[in-house]
Amino acid sequence: MFPIKDNIPVDRTPVVTIALIAINVIAYLLSTRHGGSIISGPVNSEVIHYGAIPYAFTHLGQHCGVLSNALQPGIPACQVGAGQVIADGHVGAGSLQSQVPTIETTFTAMFLHANILHIAGNMLFLWVFGPNVEDAVGRVQYLLFYLVGGLAALGGQILVGPNSTAPTLGASGAIAAVLGGYILLYPRARVLTLVFIVFFVTVIELPAMVLLGIWFVLQIVYGYANLVNPTGGGGGVAYFAHVGGFLFGLLLIRAIARRRKPVGPRYPVY
């Protein structure tokens, strides 16, 4: 399911939402300058260099980066001792091309995306649900809400996978915080949604509570499935980052929301 638009009119230009989308797109284009393409995204070394690796946060001082020899060259790994690294849960001899400082990756990872579908999906959700949350909390607080929501999302992923050497990247955790705020502010909003059912495609109107509720439940289900069977083909999606961001949005939005607009009329059905 892909949202197209909601039925809450925007009173003023969502400057911060537009700026965030622009920054994400520019960062994505810049990330492909050393290889990769606009379609396939940055090369693996760029993802590892700027991505947030949970192991680096739970083992401060043991830097992480691209494995340059032994084990499986080119994959993410972290230092565990002199000449010893851990990669995919296995310890062996190796050396690293270090990533940027761990603290910096909390922000670089938030604006890094794996491929065109990854960033397109994230920016679509941000464009549909971000403007009204921005209007409700104010521009400065909305920016802080977005960034801190991204940090909370990363914290959720680290909590469930503290020893993971796989880089976490993407704006989806911060956007999940926006979704959590939106569903609490506007549960009765109606969202035009593009739905794919096998080979059938249609557009239907769904309550925001239903659309975002289904989305959140799926994150928990897929995340649990990944925990139970890590090799089951989860596609490398940080589901618990989504859960952490969403819960952050739910918990904080009422404390900072200044106003809520009335829900608009339902879309006409022809």
Protein backbone atom coordinates (compact mmCIF):
# COMPACT_ATOMS: atom_id res chain seq x y z
CA MET A 1 0.00 0.00 0.00
CA PHE A 2 1.29 3.44 -0.97
CA PRO A 3 -0.31 6.67 0.31
CA ILE A 4 -1.06 9.34 -2.30
CA LYS A 5 -2.59 12.21 -0.28
CA ASP A 6 -4.68 12.87 2.80
CA ASN A 7 -7.81 15.00 3.17
CA ILE A 8 -6.38 17.57 5.57
CA PRO A 9 -5.63 20.85 3.76
CA VAL A 10 -2.24 22.44 4.32
CA ASP A 11 -2.51 26.08 5.43
CA ARG A 12 1.08 27.06 4.78
CA THR A 13 4.04 25.80 2.80
CA PRO A 14 5.68 22.89 4.65
CA VAL A 15 9.15 24.41 4.44
CA VAL A 16 10.90 21.93 6.73
CA THR A 17 9.35 18.87 5.08
CA ILE A 18 10.39 20.14 1.65
CA ALA A 19 13.89 20.93 2.93
CA LEU A 20 14.25 17.45 4.45
CA ILE A 21 13.18 15.82 1.21
CA ALA A 22 15.66 17.99 -0.73
CA ILE A 23 18.50 17.18 1.67
CA ASN A 24 17.76 13.46 1.46
CA VAL A 25 17.73 13.56 -2.35
CA ILE A 26 20.96 15.58 -2.53
CA ALA A 27 22.65 13.26 -0.03
CA TYR A 28 21.52 10.26 -2.10
CA LEU A 29 22.95 11.72 -5.30
CA LEU A 30 26.23 12.58 -3.56
CA SER A 31 26.48 9.07 -2.12
CA THR A 32 26.72 7.64 -5.64
CA ARG A 33 29.63 9.86 -6.71
CA HIS A 34 32.24 7.17 -5.89
CA GLY A 35 30.38 4.39 -7.66
CA GLY A 36 26.95 2.87 -7.94
CA SER A 37 24.15 4.64 -9.77
CA ILE A 38 20.99 6.62 -9.20
CA ILE A 39 18.95 3.43 -9.63
CA SER A 40 21.04 0.93 -7.66
CA GLY A 41 22.30 3.40 -5.07
CA PRO A 42 25.75 3.84 -3.55
CA VAL A 43 28.38 1.12 -3.55
CA ASN A 44 28.69 -1.10 -0.48
CA SER A 45 31.79 0.69 0.81
CA GLU A 46 29.87 4.01 0.98
CA VAL A 47 26.99 2.37 2.85
CA ILE A 48 29.40 0.89 5.40
CA HIS A 49 31.43 4.10 5.67
CA TYR A 50 28.46 6.33 6.53
CA GLY A 51 25.94 3.81 7.94
CA ALA A 52 25.28 3.38 11.67
CA ILE A 53 26.63 0.02 12.88
CA PRO A 54 25.05 -1.18 16.16
CA TYR A 55 28.24 -2.97 17.31
CA ALA A 56 30.13 0.33 17.18
CA PHE A 57 27.67 1.89 19.63
CA THR A 58 27.68 -0.99 22.10
CA HIS A 59 31.47 -1.46 21.94
CA LEU A 60 32.76 2.11 21.97
CA GLY A 61 36.42 2.31 21.06
CA GLN A 62 36.26 -0.71 18.75
CA HIS A 63 35.90 0.99 15.41
CA CYS A 64 34.07 -0.50 12.46
CA GLY A 65 34.43 -0.24 8.69
CA VAL A 66 34.94 -2.10 5.45
CA LEU A 67 36.81 -5.39 5.79
CA SER A 68 39.80 -5.19 3.46
CA ASN A 69 41.24 -8.68 3.77
CA ALA A 70 40.61 -12.20 5.13
CA LEU A 71 37.15 -13.51 6.04
CA GLN A 72 34.97 -11.91 3.34
CA PRO A 73 36.56 -8.74 1.92
CA GLY A 74 34.26 -5.78 1.34
CA ILE A 75 31.69 -6.57 4.05
CA PRO A 76 31.13 -4.56 7.26
CA ALA A 77 33.26 -5.62 10.21
CA CYS A 78 34.36 -4.31 13.59
CA GLN A 79 37.64 -4.45 15.46
CA VAL A 80 37.77 -6.81 18.46
CA GLY A 81 41.52 -6.81 19.06
CA ALA A 82 44.90 -6.26 17.43
CA GLY A 83 44.52 -7.65 13.93
CA GLN A 84 41.23 -9.33 14.87
CA VAL A 85 37.82 -8.37 13.52
CA ILE A 86 34.26 -9.64 13.77
CA ALA A 87 32.06 -9.92 10.69
CA ASP A 88 28.71 -11.71 10.41
CA GLY A 89 29.26 -13.09 13.90
CA HIS A 90 32.62 -14.66 13.03
CA VAL A 91 35.96 -13.56 14.43
CA GLY A 92 39.11 -13.77 12.36
CA ALA A 93 42.21 -11.95 11.19
CA GLY A 94 41.64 -8.85 9.11
CA SER A 95 42.09 -5.12 8.73
CA LEU A 96 39.56 -2.34 8.26
CA GLN A 97 39.06 0.75 6.21
CA SER A 98 37.46 2.72 9.03
CA GLN A 99 34.12 4.51 8.73
CA VAL A 100 33.41 8.04 9.93
CA PRO A 101 33.33 8.51 13.76
CA THR A 102 30.55 6.51 15.38
CA ILE A 103 28.68 9.53 16.78
CA GLU A 104 28.62 11.17 13.35
CA THR A 105 27.00 8.10 11.79
CA THR A 106 23.86 8.73 13.87
CA PHE A 107 23.19 11.58 11.44
CA THR A 108 24.95 10.50 8.24
CA ALA A 109 23.01 7.22 8.29
CA MET A 110 19.73 9.13 8.63
CA PHE A 111 20.24 10.71 5.21
CA LEU A 112 21.73 7.69 3.41
CA HIS A 113 19.61 5.35 1.29
CA ALA A 114 20.34 2.01 -0.34
CA ASN A 115 18.67 2.51 -3.73
CA ILE A 116 16.09 4.52 -5.66
CA LEU A 117 13.11 2.52 -4.33
CA HIS A 118 14.32 2.97 -0.76
CA ILE A 119 14.49 6.76 -0.96
CA ALA A 120 11.38 7.09 -3.16
CA GLY A 121 9.22 5.17 -0.68
CA ASN A 122 10.54 7.10 2.29
CA MET A 123 10.10 10.50 0.66
CA LEU A 124 6.55 9.62 -0.42
CA PHE A 125 5.52 8.87 3.17
CA LEU A 126 7.27 12.01 4.41
CA TRP A 127 5.52 14.17 1.79
CA VAL A 128 2.05 12.78 2.55
CA PHE A 129 2.21 12.79 6.37
CA GLY A 130 4.91 15.33 7.22
CA PRO A 131 3.25 18.67 6.34
CA ASN A 132 0.38 18.42 8.82
CA VAL A 133 2.62 17.25 11.64
CA GLU A 134 4.93 20.18 10.84
CA ASP A 135 1.98 22.54 10.99
CA ALA A 136 0.79 21.09 14.29
CA VAL A 137 4.09 21.38 16.17
CA GLY A 138 5.80 24.32 14.46
CA ARG A 139 8.76 24.29 12.13
CA VAL A 140 11.64 24.34 14.61
CA GLN A 141 10.10 21.75 16.91
CA TYR A 142 9.19 19.60 13.90
CA LEU A 143 12.81 19.53 12.75
CA LEU A 144 13.98 18.55 16.23
CA PHE A 145 11.17 16.00 16.48
CA TYR A 146 12.27 14.45 13.16
CA LEU A 147 15.97 14.29 14.07
CA VAL A 148 15.47 13.00 17.62
CA GLY A 149 12.92 10.51 16.26
CA GLY A 150 15.65 9.21 13.97
CA LEU A 151 17.96 8.78 16.96
CA ALA A 152 15.23 6.95 18.90
CA ALA A 153 14.71 4.68 15.89
CA LEU A 154 18.40 3.84 15.78
CA GLY A 155 18.25 3.14 19.51
CA GLY A 156 15.44 0.64 18.91
CA GLN A 157 17.48 -1.21 16.32
CA ILE A 158 20.57 -1.26 18.55
CA LEU A 159 18.46 -2.59 21.44
CA VAL A 160 17.37 -5.70 19.54
CA GLY A 161 20.68 -6.26 17.72
CA PRO A 162 23.51 -4.85 19.86
CA ASN A 163 26.17 -7.05 18.26
CA SER A 164 25.10 -6.57 14.66
CA THR A 165 27.80 -5.38 12.27
CA ALA A 166 25.26 -4.63 9.53
CA PRO A 167 24.95 -0.87 8.86
CA THR A 168 21.59 0.77 9.52
CA LEU A 169 20.65 3.51 7.07
CA GLY A 170 17.72 5.50 5.78
CA ALA A 171 15.23 8.14 6.85
CA SER A 172 12.50 5.61 7.62
CA GLY A 173 13.12 5.64 11.38
CA ALA A 174 12.71 9.42 11.58
CA ILE A 175 9.70 9.23 9.24
CA ALA A 176 8.22 6.52 11.47
CA ALA A 177 8.25 9.11 14.28
CA VAL A 178 6.28 11.44 12.00
CA LEU A 179 3.80 8.63 11.31
CA GLY A 180 3.42 7.97 15.03
CA GLY A 181 2.70 11.65 15.59
CA TYR A 182 0.27 11.79 12.68
CA ILE A 183 -1.81 8.79 13.75
CA LEU A 184 -2.31 10.32 17.20
CA LEU A 185 -3.11 13.79 15.89
CA TYR A 186 -5.31 12.76 12.96
CA PRO A 187 -6.63 9.20 13.46
CA ARG A 188 -9.81 10.03 11.52
CA ALA A 189 -8.04 11.52 8.52
CA ARG A 190 -8.71 9.79 5.21
CA VAL A 191 -5.84 8.80 2.95
CA LEU A 192 -6.05 8.00 -0.74
CA THR A 193 -4.01 4.83 -1.06
CA LEU A 194 -2.62 2.92 -4.02
CA VAL A 195 -3.14 -0.79 -3.38
CA PHE A 196 -1.54 -3.69 -5.25
CA ILE A 197 -3.31 -7.06 -5.01
CA VAL A 198 -1.32 -9.55 -7.08
CA PHE A 199 -1.84 -8.15 -10.64
CA PHE A 200 -4.73 -5.90 -9.66
CA VAL A 201 -4.08 -2.23 -8.87
CA THR A 202 -6.64 0.14 -7.40
CA VAL A 203 -6.95 3.37 -5.43
CA ILE A 204 -9.04 3.31 -2.25
CA GLU A 205 -9.66 5.68 0.64
CA LEU A 206 -8.52 4.41 4.02
CA PRO A 207 -8.68 5.95 7.50
CA ALA A 208 -5.20 6.97 8.65
CA MET A 209 -5.70 4.76 11.71
CA VAL A 210 -6.17 1.73 9.48
CA LEU A 211 -3.38 2.46 7.01
CA LEU A 212 -0.74 3.37 9.58
CA GLY A 213 -1.99 0.75 12.03
CA ILE A 214 -1.49 -1.98 9.44
CA TRP A 215 1.92 -0.57 8.62
CA PHE A 216 2.99 -0.62 12.28
CA VAL A 217 1.74 -4.15 12.90
CA LEU A 218 3.63 -5.37 9.84
CA GLN A 219 6.85 -3.84 11.18
CA ILE A 220 6.46 -5.83 14.40
CA VAL A 221 5.59 -9.06 12.57
CA TYR A 222 8.45 -8.80 10.09
CA GLY A 223 10.86 -7.69 12.79
CA TYR A 224 9.97 -10.66 14.99
CA ALA A 225 10.33 -13.00 12.02
CA ASN A 226 13.81 -11.61 11.42
CA LEU A 227 14.77 -12.21 15.04
CA VAL A 228 13.53 -15.79 14.94
CA ASN A 229 15.07 -16.52 11.55
CA PRO A 230 17.80 -13.97 10.67
CA THR A 231 18.56 -15.76 7.39
CA GLY A 232 14.93 -15.88 6.33
CA GLY A 233 15.19 -13.10 3.79
CA GLY A 234 14.21 -9.99 5.68
CA GLY A 235 15.88 -7.93 2.97
CA GLY A 236 18.10 -6.08 5.45
CA VAL A 237 15.23 -3.87 6.62
CA ALA A 238 15.66 -2.37 10.11
CA TYR A 239 12.11 -3.09 11.25
CA PHE A 240 12.75 -2.31 14.90
CA ALA A 241 14.09 1.10 13.93
CA HIS A 242 10.63 1.71 12.46
CA VAL A 243 9.01 0.46 15.66
CA GLY A 244 11.26 2.61 17.85
CA GLY A 245 10.63 5.73 15.78
CA PHE A 246 6.87 5.16 15.67
CA LEU A 247 6.62 4.68 19.45
CA PHE A 248 8.72 7.81 20.00
CA GLY A 249 6.28 9.79 17.85
CA LEU A 250 3.28 8.42 19.75
CA LEU A 251 4.78 9.27 23.12
CA LEU A 252 6.07 12.76 22.36
CA ILE A 253 3.64 14.35 19.92
CA ARG A 254 1.02 15.47 22.45
CA ALA A 255 3.66 17.27 24.48
CA ILE A 256 4.72 19.48 21.57
CA ALA A 257 1.64 19.77 19.33
CA ARG A 258 0.30 23.32 19.39
CA ARG A 259 -2.75 22.95 17.18
CA ARG A 260 -4.67 20.42 15.17
CA LYS A 261 -6.65 21.22 12.06
CA PRO A 262 -10.09 19.72 11.42
CA VAL A 263 -10.25 16.75 9.10
CA GLY A 264 -11.46 17.69 5.64
CA PRO A 265 -14.32 16.12 3.69
CA ARG A 266 -14.08 12.65 2.26
CA TYR A 267 -12.87 12.31 -1.29
CA PRO A 268 -15.70 12.01 -3.84
CA VAL A 269 -16.24 8.54 -5.25
CA TYR A 270 -17.07 8.36 -8.94
